[in-house]
C-alpha atoms as a PDB file:
ATOM      1  CA  MET A   1     139.550 101.638  92.732  1.00  0.00           C
ATOM      2  CA  THR A   2     137.935  99.196  90.335  1.00  0.00           C
ATOM      3  CA  TRP A   3     133.913  99.129  90.677  1.00  0.00           C
ATOM      4  CA  GLU A   4     133.077  96.155  88.720  1.00  0.00           C
ATOM      5  CA  VAL A   5     129.507  94.660  88.285  1.00  0.00           C
ATOM      6  CA  GLN A   6     128.659  91.094  87.679  1.00  0.00           C
ATOM      7  CA  SER A   7     125.099  90.337  86.129  1.00  0.00           C
ATOM      8  CA  ILE A   8     123.049  87.491  84.991  1.00  0.00           C
ATOM      9  CA  LYS A   9     120.716  88.029  82.117  1.00  0.00           C
ATOM     10  CA  VAL A  10     117.085  87.048  82.038  1.00  0.00           C
ATOM     11  CA  ARG A  11     116.053  84.812  79.064  1.00  0.00           C
ATOM     12  CA  GLU A  12     112.312  84.570  79.852  1.00  0.00           C
ATOM     13  CA  SER A  13     109.694  87.479  78.938  1.00  0.00           C
ATOM     14  CA  TRP A  14     106.975  87.938  81.087  1.00  0.00           C
ATOM     15  CA  PRO A  15     103.695  89.525  80.165  1.00  0.00           C
ATOM     16  CA  LYS A  16     103.371  93.264  80.548  1.00  0.00           C
ATOM     17  CA  VAL A  17     101.274  95.220  82.553  1.00  0.00           C
ATOM     18  CA  ASP A  18      99.212  97.641  80.462  1.00  0.00           C
ATOM     19  CA  GLN A  19      98.402 101.476  81.617  1.00  0.00           C
ATOM     20  CA  PHE A  20      95.719 100.104  83.859  1.00  0.00           C
ATOM     21  CA  GLY A  21      97.883  97.866  85.760  1.00  0.00           C
ATOM     22  CA  MET A  22      96.292  94.971  83.818  1.00  0.00           C
ATOM     23  CA  ASN A  23      96.960  92.018  81.321  1.00  0.00           C
ATOM     24  CA  ASN A  24      94.870  89.398  79.799  1.00  0.00           C
ATOM     25  CA  ASP A  25      95.186  87.464  83.191  1.00  0.00           C
ATOM     26  CA  ARG A  26      91.810  87.090  84.729  1.00  0.00           C
ATOM     27  CA  HIS A  27      93.720  87.419  88.234  1.00  0.00           C
ATOM     28  CA  ALA A  28      94.883  90.998  87.288  1.00  0.00           C
ATOM     29  CA  VAL A  29      95.262  93.491  89.955  1.00  0.00           C
ATOM     30  CA  LEU A  30      94.852  97.235  89.487  1.00  0.00           C
ATOM     31  CA  ARG A  31      97.584  99.612  90.163  1.00  0.00           C
ATOM     32  CA  PRO A  32      97.156 102.384  93.047  1.00  0.00           C
ATOM     33  CA  HIS A  33      95.531 105.494  91.595  1.00  0.00           C
ATOM     34  CA  VAL A  34      97.713 107.876  89.777  1.00  0.00           C
ATOM     35  CA  VAL A  35      97.746 110.453  92.456  1.00  0.00           C
ATOM     36  CA  GLY A  36      98.768 107.592  94.747  1.00  0.00           C
ATOM     37  CA  ARG A  37     101.644 106.408  92.512  1.00  0.00           C
ATOM     38  CA  ALA A  38     102.885 109.986  92.070  1.00  0.00           C
ATOM     39  CA  SER A  39     103.131 110.619  95.753  1.00  0.00           C
ATOM     40  CA  LYS A  40     104.744 107.177  96.459  1.00  0.00           C
ATOM     41  CA  ARG A  41     107.366 108.097  93.779  1.00  0.00           C
ATOM     42  CA  ALA A  42     107.901 111.458  95.293  1.00  0.00           C
ATOM     43  CA  VAL A  43     108.418 109.861  98.830  1.00  0.00           C
ATOM     44  CA  ASP A  44     110.833 107.356  97.249  1.00  0.00           C
ATOM     45  CA  ILE A  45     113.008 109.966  95.679  1.00  0.00           C
ATOM     46  CA  VAL A  46     113.231 112.182  98.858  1.00  0.00           C
ATOM     47  CA  ILE A  47     113.949 109.079 101.082  1.00  0.00           C
ATOM     48  CA  ALA A  48     116.496 107.463  98.655  1.00  0.00           C
ATOM     49  CA  THR A  49     118.322 110.812  97.926  1.00  0.00           C
ATOM     50  CA  THR A  50     118.503 111.655 101.823  1.00  0.00           C
ATOM     51  CA  ALA A  51     119.758 108.171 102.515  1.00  0.00           C
ATOM     52  CA  LEU A  52     122.433 108.228  99.985  1.00  0.00           C
ATOM     53  CA  ILE A  53     123.737 111.500 101.388  1.00  0.00           C
ATOM     54  CA  LEU A  54     123.709 110.386 104.782  1.00  0.00           C
ATOM     55  CA  LEU A  55     125.038 106.985 104.302  1.00  0.00           C
ATOM     56  CA  SER A  56     127.706 107.763 101.915  1.00  0.00           C
ATOM     57  CA  PRO A  57     130.515 107.555 104.271  1.00  0.00           C
ATOM     58  CA  LEU A  58     129.274 104.142 105.332  1.00  0.00           C
ATOM     59  CA  MET A  59     128.998 102.876 101.922  1.00  0.00           C
ATOM     60  CA  LEU A  60     132.505 104.058 100.917  1.00  0.00           C
ATOM     61  CA  ILE A  61     133.969 102.195 103.838  1.00  0.00           C
ATOM     62  CA  THR A  62     132.002  99.043 102.866  1.00  0.00           C
ATOM     63  CA  ALA A  63     133.102  99.257  99.394  1.00  0.00           C
ATOM     64  CA  LEU A  64     136.690  99.596 100.238  1.00  0.00           C
ATOM     65  CA  ILE A  65     136.456  96.578 102.621  1.00  0.00           C
ATOM     66  CA  VAL A  66     134.621  94.446 100.000  1.00  0.00           C
ATOM     67  CA  LYS A  67     137.371  95.340  97.347  1.00  0.00           C
ATOM     68  CA  LEU A  68     140.412  94.962  99.859  1.00  0.00           C
ATOM     69  CA  SER A  69     139.054  91.392 101.290  1.00  0.00           C
ATOM     70  CA  ASP A  70     139.807  89.479  98.071  1.00  0.00           C
ATOM     71  CA  GLN A  71     140.192  92.039  95.210  1.00  0.00           C
ATOM     72  CA  GLY A  72     136.916  90.880  93.795  1.00  0.00           C
ATOM     73  CA  PRO A  73     134.032  92.968  92.491  1.00  0.00           C
ATOM     74  CA  VAL A  74     132.637  95.547  94.971  1.00  0.00           C
ATOM     75  CA  PHE A  75     129.174  95.464  93.549  1.00  0.00           C
ATOM     76  CA  TYR A  76     127.066  92.598  92.402  1.00  0.00           C
ATOM     77  CA  SER A  77     124.036  92.914  89.971  1.00  0.00           C
ATOM     78  CA  HIS A  78     121.604  90.161  89.810  1.00  0.00           C
ATOM     79  CA  THR A  79     118.868  90.617  87.241  1.00  0.00           C
ATOM     80  CA  ARG A  80     115.201  90.722  88.882  1.00  0.00           C
ATOM     81  CA  ILE A  81     111.754  91.281  87.456  1.00  0.00           C
ATOM     82  CA  GLY A  82     110.345  94.696  88.541  1.00  0.00           C
ATOM     83  CA  TYR A  83     107.240  96.912  87.600  1.00  0.00           C
ATOM     84  CA  GLY A  84     105.366  95.745  84.733  1.00  0.00           C
ATOM     85  CA  GLY A  85     107.331  92.717  84.247  1.00  0.00           C
ATOM     86  CA  ALA A  86     110.464  94.554  83.117  1.00  0.00           C
ATOM     87  CA  PRO A  87     113.809  92.954  84.226  1.00  0.00           C
ATOM     88  CA  PHE A  88     116.536  95.317  85.883  1.00  0.00           C
ATOM     89  CA  GLY A  89     119.850  94.633  87.578  1.00  0.00           C
ATOM     90  CA  CYS A  90     119.244  94.662  91.416  1.00  0.00           C
ATOM     91  CA  LEU A  91     122.334  96.075  92.997  1.00  0.00           C
ATOM     92  CA  LYS A  92     124.116  94.938  96.146  1.00  0.00           C
ATOM     93  CA  PHE A  93     127.556  94.875  97.837  1.00  0.00           C
ATOM     94  CA  ARG A  94     129.035  91.602  96.737  1.00  0.00           C
ATOM     95  CA  THR A  95     128.763  89.112  99.678  1.00  0.00           C
ATOM     96  CA  MET A  96     129.870  85.987  97.901  1.00  0.00           C
ATOM     97  CA  LYS A  97     133.099  84.336  96.757  1.00  0.00           C
ATOM     98  CA  THR A  98     134.082  85.082  93.136  1.00  0.00           C
ATOM     99  CA  ASP A  99     133.277  81.521  92.087  1.00  0.00           C
ATOM    100  CA  ALA A 100     130.016  81.271  93.726  1.00  0.00           C
ATOM    101  CA  ALA A 101     127.968  79.998  90.767  1.00  0.00           C
ATOM    102  CA  ALA A 102     130.441  77.143  90.356  1.00  0.00           C
ATOM    103  CA  GLN A 103     130.187  76.373  94.121  1.00  0.00           C
ATOM    104  CA  LEU A 104     126.519  76.298  94.061  1.00  0.00           C
ATOM    105  CA  ALA A 105     126.221  74.188  90.917  1.00  0.00           C
ATOM    106  CA  ASP A 106     128.641  71.589  92.701  1.00  0.00           C
ATOM    107  CA  LEU A 107     126.894  71.854  96.015  1.00  0.00           C
ATOM    108  CA  LEU A 108     123.437  71.293  94.595  1.00  0.00           C
ATOM    109  CA  ARG A 109     124.923  68.374  92.577  1.00  0.00           C
ATOM    110  CA  THR A 110     126.433  66.594  95.503  1.00  0.00           C
ATOM    111  CA  ASN A 111     124.318  67.517  98.507  1.00  0.00           C
ATOM    112  CA  PRO A 112     120.687  66.148  98.201  1.00  0.00           C
ATOM    113  CA  SER A 113     119.828  68.174 101.649  1.00  0.00           C
ATOM    114  CA  ALA A 114     121.058  71.405 100.268  1.00  0.00           C
ATOM    115  CA  ARG A 115     119.431  70.811  96.779  1.00  0.00           C
ATOM    116  CA  ALA A 116     116.083  70.196  98.665  1.00  0.00           C
ATOM    117  CA  GLU A 117     116.548  73.385 100.724  1.00  0.00           C
ATOM    118  CA  TRP A 118     117.613  75.310  97.709  1.00  0.00           C
ATOM    119  CA  GLU A 119     114.412  74.352  95.886  1.00  0.00           C
ATOM    120  CA  ALA A 120     112.095  75.079  98.541  1.00  0.00           C
ATOM    121  CA  THR A 121     113.272  78.382  99.477  1.00  0.00           C
ATOM    122  CA  ARG A 122     116.049  79.596  96.918  1.00  0.00           C
ATOM    123  CA  LYS A 123     118.149  80.137 100.137  1.00  0.00           C
ATOM    124  CA  LEU A 124     120.721  78.164 101.943  1.00  0.00           C
ATOM    125  CA  LYS A 125     120.879  78.401 105.756  1.00  0.00           C
ATOM    126  CA  ASN A 126     124.538  77.597 105.830  1.00  0.00           C
ATOM    127  CA  ASP A 127     125.870  78.948 102.376  1.00  0.00           C
ATOM    128  CA  PRO A 128     129.668  78.057 101.860  1.00  0.00           C
ATOM    129  CA  ARG A 129     129.616  80.802  99.023  1.00  0.00           C
ATOM    130  CA  ILE A 130     129.388  83.635 101.592  1.00  0.00           C
ATOM    131  CA  THR A 131     132.544  85.528 102.554  1.00  0.00           C
ATOM    132  CA  ALA A 132     133.291  86.494 106.065  1.00  0.00           C
ATOM    133  CA  VAL A 133     132.872  90.024 105.140  1.00  0.00           C
ATOM    134  CA  GLY A 134     129.589  89.067 103.329  1.00  0.00           C
ATOM    135  CA  GLU A 135     128.328  87.498 106.396  1.00  0.00           C
ATOM    136  CA  ILE A 136     128.586  90.598 108.327  1.00  0.00           C
ATOM    137  CA  LEU A 137     126.862  92.727 105.493  1.00  0.00           C
ATOM    138  CA  ARG A 138     123.963  90.279 105.149  1.00  0.00           C
ATOM    139  CA  ARG A 139     123.249  90.031 109.045  1.00  0.00           C
ATOM    140  CA  SER A 140     123.427  93.924 109.001  1.00  0.00           C
ATOM    141  CA  SER A 141     121.506  94.420 105.687  1.00  0.00           C
ATOM    142  CA  ILE A 142     124.373  96.822 104.682  1.00  0.00           C
ATOM    143  CA  ASP A 143     124.877  94.755 101.539  1.00  0.00           C
ATOM    144  CA  GLU A 144     121.350  96.040 100.200  1.00  0.00           C
ATOM    145  CA  LEU A 145     122.219  99.656 100.539  1.00  0.00           C
ATOM    146  CA  PRO A 146     123.327 100.084  96.753  1.00  0.00           C
ATOM    147  CA  GLN A 147     119.550  99.373  96.096  1.00  0.00           C
ATOM    148  CA  LEU A 148     118.937 103.035  97.029  1.00  0.00           C
ATOM    149  CA  ILE A 149     120.370 103.486  93.374  1.00  0.00           C
ATOM    150  CA  ASN A 150     117.807 101.454  91.945  1.00  0.00           C
ATOM    151  CA  ILE A 151     115.200 103.276  93.787  1.00  0.00           C
ATOM    152  CA  LEU A 152     116.323 106.548  92.356  1.00  0.00           C
ATOM    153  CA  ARG A 153     116.357 104.960  88.832  1.00  0.00           C
ATOM    154  CA  GLY A 154     112.773 104.151  89.173  1.00  0.00           C
ATOM    155  CA  GLU A 155     113.342 100.406  89.154  1.00  0.00           C
ATOM    156  CA  MET A 156     112.556  99.942  92.932  1.00  0.00           C
ATOM    157  CA  SER A 157     110.615 101.389  95.849  1.00  0.00           C
ATOM    158  CA  VAL A 158     111.421 102.081  99.348  1.00  0.00           C
ATOM    159  CA  VAL A 159     108.469  99.706 100.402  1.00  0.00           C
ATOM    160  CA  GLY A 160     107.140  96.913  98.042  1.00  0.00           C
ATOM    161  CA  PRO A 161     107.480  93.209  97.132  1.00  0.00           C
ATOM    162  CA  ARG A 162     110.625  91.445  97.600  1.00  0.00           C
ATOM    163  CA  PRO A 163     112.435  91.506  94.052  1.00  0.00           C
ATOM    164  CA  VAL A 164     112.326  87.968  92.443  1.00  0.00           C
ATOM    165  CA  THR A 165     114.214  86.281  89.703  1.00  0.00           C
ATOM    166  CA  ALA A 166     112.322  85.029  86.581  1.00  0.00           C
ATOM    167  CA  GLU A 167     112.558  81.486  87.936  1.00  0.00           C
ATOM    168  CA  GLU A 168     111.074  82.353  91.301  1.00  0.00           C
ATOM    169  CA  LEU A 169     108.181  84.581  89.565  1.00  0.00           C
ATOM    170  CA  ALA A 170     106.749  81.264  88.418  1.00  0.00           C
ATOM    171  CA  ARG A 171     106.163  80.383  91.887  1.00  0.00           C
ATOM    172  CA  TYR A 172     103.667  83.277  92.263  1.00  0.00           C
ATOM    173  CA  GLY A 173     101.167  81.350  89.799  1.00  0.00           C
ATOM    174  CA  GLU A 174      97.764  83.134  89.645  1.00  0.00           C
ATOM    175  CA  HIS A 175      99.192  86.115  91.769  1.00  0.00           C
ATOM    176  CA  VAL A 176     101.993  86.900  89.175  1.00  0.00           C
ATOM    177  CA  THR A 177     100.053  90.203  88.341  1.00  0.00           C
ATOM    178  CA  SER A 178      99.968  91.212  91.590  1.00  0.00           C
ATOM    179  CA  TYR A 179     103.756  91.258  92.133  1.00  0.00           C
ATOM    180  CA  MET A 180     104.269  93.071  88.663  1.00  0.00           C
ATOM    181  CA  ALA A 181     101.865  95.720  89.588  1.00  0.00           C
ATOM    182  CA  ALA A 182     104.020  97.275  92.092  1.00  0.00           C
ATOM    183  CA  ARG A 183     107.918  98.293  92.209  1.00  0.00           C
ATOM    184  CA  PRO A 184     109.848  95.772  94.272  1.00  0.00           C
ATOM    185  CA  GLY A 185     111.000  97.207  97.602  1.00  0.00           C
ATOM    186  CA  LEU A 186     114.148  97.703  99.579  1.00  0.00           C
ATOM    187  CA  THR A 187     112.018  96.687 102.523  1.00  0.00           C
ATOM    188  CA  GLY A 188     108.506  95.457 102.779  1.00  0.00           C
ATOM    189  CA  GLN A 189     106.117  93.111 104.408  1.00  0.00           C
ATOM    190  CA  TRP A 190     108.494  90.268 104.205  1.00  0.00           C
ATOM    191  CA  GLN A 191     111.347  92.015 105.779  1.00  0.00           C
ATOM    192  CA  ILE A 192     109.459  92.816 108.805  1.00  0.00           C
ATOM    193  CA  SER A 193     107.484  89.365 109.235  1.00  0.00           C
ATOM    194  CA  GLY A 194     110.506  86.996 109.608  1.00  0.00           C
ATOM    195  CA  ARG A 195     112.365  87.257 106.393  1.00  0.00           C
ATOM    196  CA  ASN A 196     113.864  83.611 105.424  1.00  0.00           C
ATOM    197  CA  ASP A 197     112.079  82.187 108.638  1.00  0.00           C
ATOM    198  CA  VAL A 198     108.650  82.247 106.608  1.00  0.00           C
ATOM    199  CA  SER A 199     107.693  79.926 104.093  1.00  0.00           C
ATOM    200  CA  TYR A 200     107.735  80.938 100.401  1.00  0.00           C
ATOM    201  CA  GLU A 201     104.092  80.617 100.075  1.00  0.00           C
ATOM    202  CA  HIS A 202     103.626  82.857 103.014  1.00  0.00           C
ATOM    203  CA  ARG A 203     106.085  85.466 101.341  1.00  0.00           C
ATOM    204  CA  VAL A 204     103.789  85.264  98.234  1.00  0.00           C
ATOM    205  CA  ALA A 205     100.638  86.113 100.378  1.00  0.00           C
ATOM    206  CA  LEU A 206     102.366  88.976 102.143  1.00  0.00           C
ATOM    207  CA  ASP A 207     103.255  90.559  98.826  1.00  0.00           C
ATOM    208  CA  VAL A 208      99.792  90.105  97.329  1.00  0.00           C
ATOM    209  CA  GLN A 209      98.152  91.506 100.409  1.00  0.00           C
ATOM    210  CA  TYR A 210     100.542  94.518 100.381  1.00  0.00           C
ATOM    211  CA  VAL A 211      99.806  95.268  96.652  1.00  0.00           C
ATOM    212  CA  ARG A 212      95.898  94.930  97.398  1.00  0.00           C
ATOM    213  CA  ASP A 213      95.892  96.948 100.466  1.00  0.00           C
ATOM    214  CA  TRP A 214      98.597  99.676  99.343  1.00  0.00           C
ATOM    215  CA  SER A 215      98.653 102.999 101.102  1.00  0.00           C
ATOM    216  CA  LEU A 216     101.279 105.699 102.055  1.00  0.00           C
ATOM    217  CA  THR A 217     100.305 105.088 105.751  1.00  0.00           C
ATOM    218  CA  ARG A 218     101.025 101.471 105.465  1.00  0.00           C
ATOM    219  CA  ASP A 219     104.409 102.163 103.766  1.00  0.00           C
ATOM    220  CA  PHE A 220     105.267 104.421 106.663  1.00  0.00           C
ATOM    221  CA  ILE A 221     104.412 101.695 109.182  1.00  0.00           C
ATOM    222  CA  ILE A 222     106.560  99.152 107.414  1.00  0.00           C
ATOM    223  CA  VAL A 223     109.479 101.591 107.244  1.00  0.00           C
ATOM    224  CA  ALA A 224     109.287 102.221 111.004  1.00  0.00           C
ATOM    225  CA  LYS A 225     108.934  98.565 111.713  1.00  0.00           C
ATOM    226  CA  THR A 226     112.051  97.747 109.467  1.00  0.00           C
ATOM    227  CA  VAL A 227     114.540  99.252 111.925  1.00  0.00           C
ATOM    228  CA  PRO A 228     113.746  97.051 114.804  1.00  0.00           C
ATOM    229  CA  ALA A 229     113.500  94.070 112.420  1.00  0.00           C
ATOM    230  CA  LEU A 230     117.102  94.766 111.468  1.00  0.00           C
ATOM    231  CA  PHE A 231     118.292  94.804 114.831  1.00  0.00           C
ATOM    232  CA  SER A 232     116.594  91.470 115.764  1.00  0.00           C
ATOM    233  CA  GLN A 233     118.156  89.852 112.664  1.00  0.00           C
ATOM    234  CA  ARG A 234     115.496  87.349 112.555  1.00  0.00           C
ATOM    235  CA  GLY A 235     115.774  85.281 109.489  1.00  0.00           C
ATOM    236  CA  CYS A 236     119.027  87.133 108.214  1.00  0.00           C
ATOM    237  CA  TYR A 237     120.936  84.682 106.206  1.00  0.00           C
END
């Protein structure tokens, strides 16, 4: 089996957060205390390792289905901005057609309503690029399971802000440092608050609130609320 990975490189360089979780931005936000960071990281490693072991049969079956569906790559790696402004390849099972980039460019050029939706949310509710298998994977969130590998690498956390692209990060404005003060999460406030049904401005507010009010207790509450949110499938597209 071939385990290809597609990726997109970041051309922009974001300001780095120093050892105190701050840069020269007057809106900088402190990171959690060193003990809190260590405990959060330890929990991440335990949960990600356990989940990978328990879910490995499901992930293997999913990989086979994705590969056999159209012979394209199994994984899709898209560059996102992470902790301290460092770019990383966010892993997913591929849910789009192999010529998705060309299809998107053509759609945005010829369809004004789709272009307006994309500019407002960076999402398309009726996305023609998604495969039949990909539709199922997205609605069940199985497509995001490879991000457990990102967590073990230290690029993501089990709970945190939704990982964003360099282009999207500009939309955080004065709150950009809040986003970069935490590792992006496999789940988070956005995922349990309606996902794509909430506005982008609300999503930014949720991320900022999470970073400012972080605690391990809050993380466990978010993880517990993620399960029913997945079953409800609200905002999943």
